[in-house]
Amino acid sequence: MARGAWIAYARIVDIGARALGATREQLSSAERTRYARFATPRRRREFLAGRWLLAASRSAWNRSGGASISHSGGWVAVALVGRGVPGVDIEPMVARDFLKLGAWAFPASGREPWPRAPRDARRAFYGRWTRYEARLKGAKSAGYGERTWFIDGMALSARLPRKVSLEGGRPQRWRRRGGFAPATLKPGNHEKEVIP
């Protein structure tokens, strides 16, 4: 990633129970209260995975700044920027009736209108949808832009300051067989994903 931003993603199952348990022990009082309100074990795992990936990313990037977290369909993503408020969204690209859904979600009068005959309706829909979600989560300033990556059957979009979004490289994928131990939150536990 560019010096001004860090974007990372992981499968929640790759993070593992030990790392999530250690993350739960490190939650702040406000985070513990929020965690206790989640009704399902799945939602609790997503919350902890987001906090784990945020801590791991801050440790690897070695900078502070604004952060955004997203999770969906067993994936979690985080975006960090040195200055400003980023937005990030991740979505698995499941099959849908994209022509109807796209026309409904992205009207002709909107920012990214739905094309009449998209070449790849799945990518067209998820690219637009994740960029829309990232815009909702990030700064509303005109000095921001969105980037989208299609990786591992999912779409990942980030809203970053425009200069950073133009310079940015590939997102980092955190992956380790058997999950991460609490003490392994450090650089070197991630692989750069090769994106065609």
Protein backbone atom coordinates (compact mmCIF):
# COMPACT_ATOMS: atom_id res chain seq x y z
CA MET A 1 0.00 0.00 0.00
CA ALA A 2 0.99 3.59 -0.37
CA ARG A 3 2.57 5.30 2.59
CA GLY A 4 -0.66 7.17 3.34
CA ALA A 5 -2.94 4.13 3.61
CA TRP A 6 -3.13 0.46 4.58
CA ILE A 7 -5.88 -1.91 3.47
CA ALA A 8 -6.05 -5.49 4.68
CA TYR A 9 -8.52 -8.35 4.54
CA ALA A 10 -8.85 -11.89 5.91
CA ARG A 11 -11.21 -14.82 6.18
CA ILE A 12 -12.51 -14.92 9.72
CA VAL A 13 -11.84 -18.68 9.95
CA ASP A 14 -8.15 -18.00 9.13
CA ILE A 15 -7.83 -15.75 12.17
CA GLY A 16 -8.73 -18.57 14.56
CA ALA A 17 -10.29 -18.95 17.99
CA ARG A 18 -7.11 -18.26 20.01
CA ALA A 19 -6.54 -14.86 18.43
CA LEU A 20 -10.22 -13.94 18.74
CA GLY A 21 -10.19 -14.99 22.41
CA ALA A 22 -7.15 -12.83 23.10
CA THR A 23 -8.81 -9.94 21.27
CA ARG A 24 -11.92 -10.33 23.43
CA GLU A 25 -9.75 -9.99 26.56
CA GLN A 26 -8.26 -6.73 25.22
CA LEU A 27 -11.57 -4.97 24.43
CA SER A 28 -12.16 -1.59 26.02
CA SER A 29 -15.11 -1.07 28.35
CA ALA A 30 -17.21 0.47 25.56
CA GLU A 31 -16.29 -2.35 23.17
CA ARG A 32 -17.21 -4.96 25.81
CA THR A 33 -20.62 -3.34 26.24
CA ARG A 34 -21.16 -3.36 22.48
CA TYR A 35 -19.91 -6.97 22.19
CA ALA A 36 -22.36 -8.10 24.90
CA ARG A 37 -25.31 -6.71 22.89
CA PHE A 38 -24.73 -8.98 19.88
CA ALA A 39 -27.35 -11.71 19.83
CA THR A 40 -25.54 -14.31 17.71
CA PRO A 41 -22.15 -16.03 17.96
CA ARG A 42 -21.54 -15.22 14.26
CA ARG A 43 -21.93 -11.47 14.87
CA ARG A 44 -19.64 -11.67 17.92
CA ARG A 45 -16.94 -13.43 15.84
CA GLU A 46 -17.24 -10.76 13.13
CA PHE A 47 -16.83 -8.00 15.71
CA LEU A 48 -13.76 -9.65 17.26
CA ALA A 49 -12.26 -10.41 13.83
CA GLY A 50 -12.60 -6.75 12.88
CA ARG A 51 -10.86 -5.64 16.07
CA TRP A 52 -8.13 -8.27 15.59
CA LEU A 53 -7.48 -7.21 11.98
CA LEU A 54 -7.43 -3.54 13.03
CA ALA A 55 -4.81 -4.25 15.73
CA ALA A 56 -2.75 -6.45 13.41
CA SER A 57 -2.86 -3.85 10.65
CA ARG A 58 -1.88 -0.99 12.95
CA SER A 59 1.02 -3.10 14.22
CA ALA A 60 2.18 -3.98 10.70
CA TRP A 61 1.73 -0.46 9.29
CA ASN A 62 3.22 1.13 12.42
CA ARG A 63 1.20 4.33 12.09
CA SER A 64 -1.86 5.84 13.71
CA GLY A 65 -4.76 7.56 12.03
CA GLY A 66 -8.33 7.02 10.87
CA ALA A 67 -9.74 3.52 10.50
CA SER A 68 -12.75 1.73 9.00
CA ILE A 69 -13.84 -1.90 9.40
CA SER A 70 -16.19 -4.04 7.30
CA HIS A 71 -17.27 -7.68 7.46
CA SER A 72 -19.53 -9.83 5.34
CA GLY A 73 -19.95 -13.48 4.44
CA GLY A 74 -17.04 -14.73 6.55
CA TRP A 75 -14.62 -11.99 5.43
CA VAL A 76 -13.34 -8.94 7.29
CA ALA A 77 -11.53 -5.87 5.91
CA VAL A 78 -9.91 -2.79 7.41
CA ALA A 79 -8.69 0.49 5.93
CA LEU A 80 -6.28 2.83 7.70
CA VAL A 81 -5.17 6.30 6.60
CA GLY A 82 -2.63 8.63 8.15
CA ARG A 83 -5.01 11.58 7.92
CA GLY A 84 -8.73 11.66 7.40
CA VAL A 85 -11.58 9.19 7.65
CA PRO A 86 -11.44 6.15 5.35
CA GLY A 87 -14.35 3.93 4.38
CA VAL A 88 -14.13 0.25 3.47
CA ASP A 89 -16.61 -2.39 2.35
CA ILE A 90 -16.20 -6.07 1.53
CA GLU A 91 -18.83 -8.33 -0.04
CA PRO A 92 -18.73 -11.92 -1.30
CA MET A 93 -19.97 -11.91 -4.90
CA VAL A 94 -22.91 -14.32 -4.66
CA ALA A 95 -25.26 -14.99 -7.58
CA ARG A 96 -28.29 -12.72 -7.91
CA ASP A 97 -30.51 -11.31 -10.64
CA PHE A 98 -28.05 -8.48 -11.29
CA LEU A 99 -29.97 -6.86 -14.14
CA LYS A 100 -33.06 -6.24 -11.98
CA LEU A 101 -31.15 -5.54 -8.77
CA GLY A 102 -28.68 -3.20 -10.50
CA ALA A 103 -31.43 -1.19 -12.20
CA TRP A 104 -33.22 -0.84 -8.85
CA ALA A 105 -30.14 0.01 -6.74
CA PHE A 106 -28.43 2.32 -9.25
CA PRO A 107 -31.00 4.49 -11.06
CA ALA A 108 -30.13 6.52 -14.16
CA SER A 109 -30.14 9.73 -12.10
CA GLY A 110 -27.61 8.37 -9.57
CA ARG A 111 -23.86 8.80 -9.21
CA GLU A 112 -23.05 5.46 -10.89
CA PRO A 113 -26.06 4.62 -13.07
CA TRP A 114 -26.66 1.01 -14.01
CA PRO A 115 -25.66 0.26 -17.64
CA ARG A 116 -28.28 -1.23 -19.97
CA ALA A 117 -26.10 -4.20 -20.91
CA PRO A 118 -23.10 -4.59 -18.58
CA ARG A 119 -20.32 -6.88 -19.83
CA ASP A 120 -19.98 -8.52 -16.45
CA ALA A 121 -23.12 -7.79 -14.44
CA ARG A 122 -21.76 -9.41 -11.27
CA ARG A 123 -18.63 -7.23 -11.20
CA ALA A 124 -20.60 -4.15 -12.26
CA PHE A 125 -23.06 -4.61 -9.40
CA TYR A 126 -20.61 -5.47 -6.63
CA GLY A 127 -18.15 -2.80 -7.70
CA ARG A 128 -20.85 -0.15 -7.49
CA TRP A 129 -22.33 -1.56 -4.27
CA THR A 130 -19.06 -1.75 -2.33
CA ARG A 131 -18.03 1.74 -3.52
CA TYR A 132 -21.43 3.04 -2.34
CA GLU A 133 -21.00 1.40 1.08
CA ALA A 134 -17.41 2.69 1.39
CA ARG A 135 -18.67 6.23 0.63
CA LEU A 136 -21.27 5.92 3.41
CA LYS A 137 -18.57 4.89 5.92
CA GLY A 138 -15.83 7.35 4.85
CA ALA A 139 -15.37 11.10 4.79
CA LYS A 140 -17.83 13.02 2.65
CA SER A 141 -15.12 15.40 1.39
CA ALA A 142 -14.66 15.96 -2.35
CA GLY A 143 -10.95 15.23 -1.86
CA TYR A 144 -11.66 11.51 -1.58
CA GLY A 145 -11.97 8.75 -4.17
CA GLU A 146 -12.82 5.04 -4.23
CA ARG A 147 -10.87 2.03 -5.46
CA THR A 148 -12.24 -1.46 -5.97
CA TRP A 149 -10.50 -4.83 -6.09
CA PHE A 150 -12.04 -8.17 -7.07
CA ILE A 151 -10.22 -10.87 -5.10
CA ASP A 152 -11.04 -14.44 -4.08
CA GLY A 153 -14.66 -14.20 -5.27
CA MET A 154 -15.37 -11.03 -3.35
CA ALA A 155 -15.36 -7.30 -3.97
CA LEU A 156 -13.40 -4.91 -1.75
CA SER A 157 -13.73 -1.14 -2.05
CA ALA A 158 -12.06 1.61 -0.05
CA ARG A 159 -12.74 5.34 0.14
CA LEU A 160 -9.45 7.13 0.68
CA PRO A 161 -8.02 10.61 0.24
CA ARG A 162 -7.73 11.06 -3.54
CA LYS A 163 -3.92 11.15 -3.69
CA VAL A 164 -3.66 7.98 -1.60
CA SER A 165 -6.34 6.19 -3.64
CA LEU A 166 -4.40 6.92 -6.83
CA GLU A 167 -1.05 5.79 -5.37
CA GLY A 168 -2.38 2.82 -3.44
CA GLY A 169 -1.22 -0.68 -4.09
CA ARG A 170 -2.89 -4.02 -3.44
CA PRO A 171 -4.67 -4.86 -0.20
CA GLN A 172 -2.80 -7.16 2.18
CA ARG A 173 -4.32 -10.58 2.82
CA TRP A 174 -3.79 -12.02 6.28
CA ARG A 175 -3.68 -15.79 6.01
CA ARG A 176 -2.29 -18.52 8.20
CA ARG A 177 -3.23 -22.17 8.41
CA GLY A 178 -4.55 -23.14 11.81
CA GLY A 179 -5.24 -19.54 12.76
CA PHE A 180 -3.14 -16.92 14.48
CA ALA A 181 -1.87 -17.18 18.01
CA PRO A 182 -2.30 -14.03 20.13
CA ALA A 183 1.46 -13.33 19.97
CA THR A 184 1.63 -13.41 16.17
CA LEU A 185 0.21 -9.95 15.51
CA LYS A 186 3.20 -8.71 13.54
CA PRO A 187 4.37 -8.10 9.99
CA GLY A 188 5.25 -11.21 8.06
CA ASN A 189 2.01 -13.06 8.79
CA HIS A 190 0.40 -11.67 5.68
CA GLU A 191 0.88 -12.34 2.02
CA LYS A 192 0.55 -9.86 -0.79
CA GLU A 193 -2.31 -11.06 -2.93
CA VAL A 194 -1.52 -11.30 -6.61
CA ILE A 195 -4.31 -9.55 -8.47
CA PRO A 196 -4.43 -9.91 -12.28
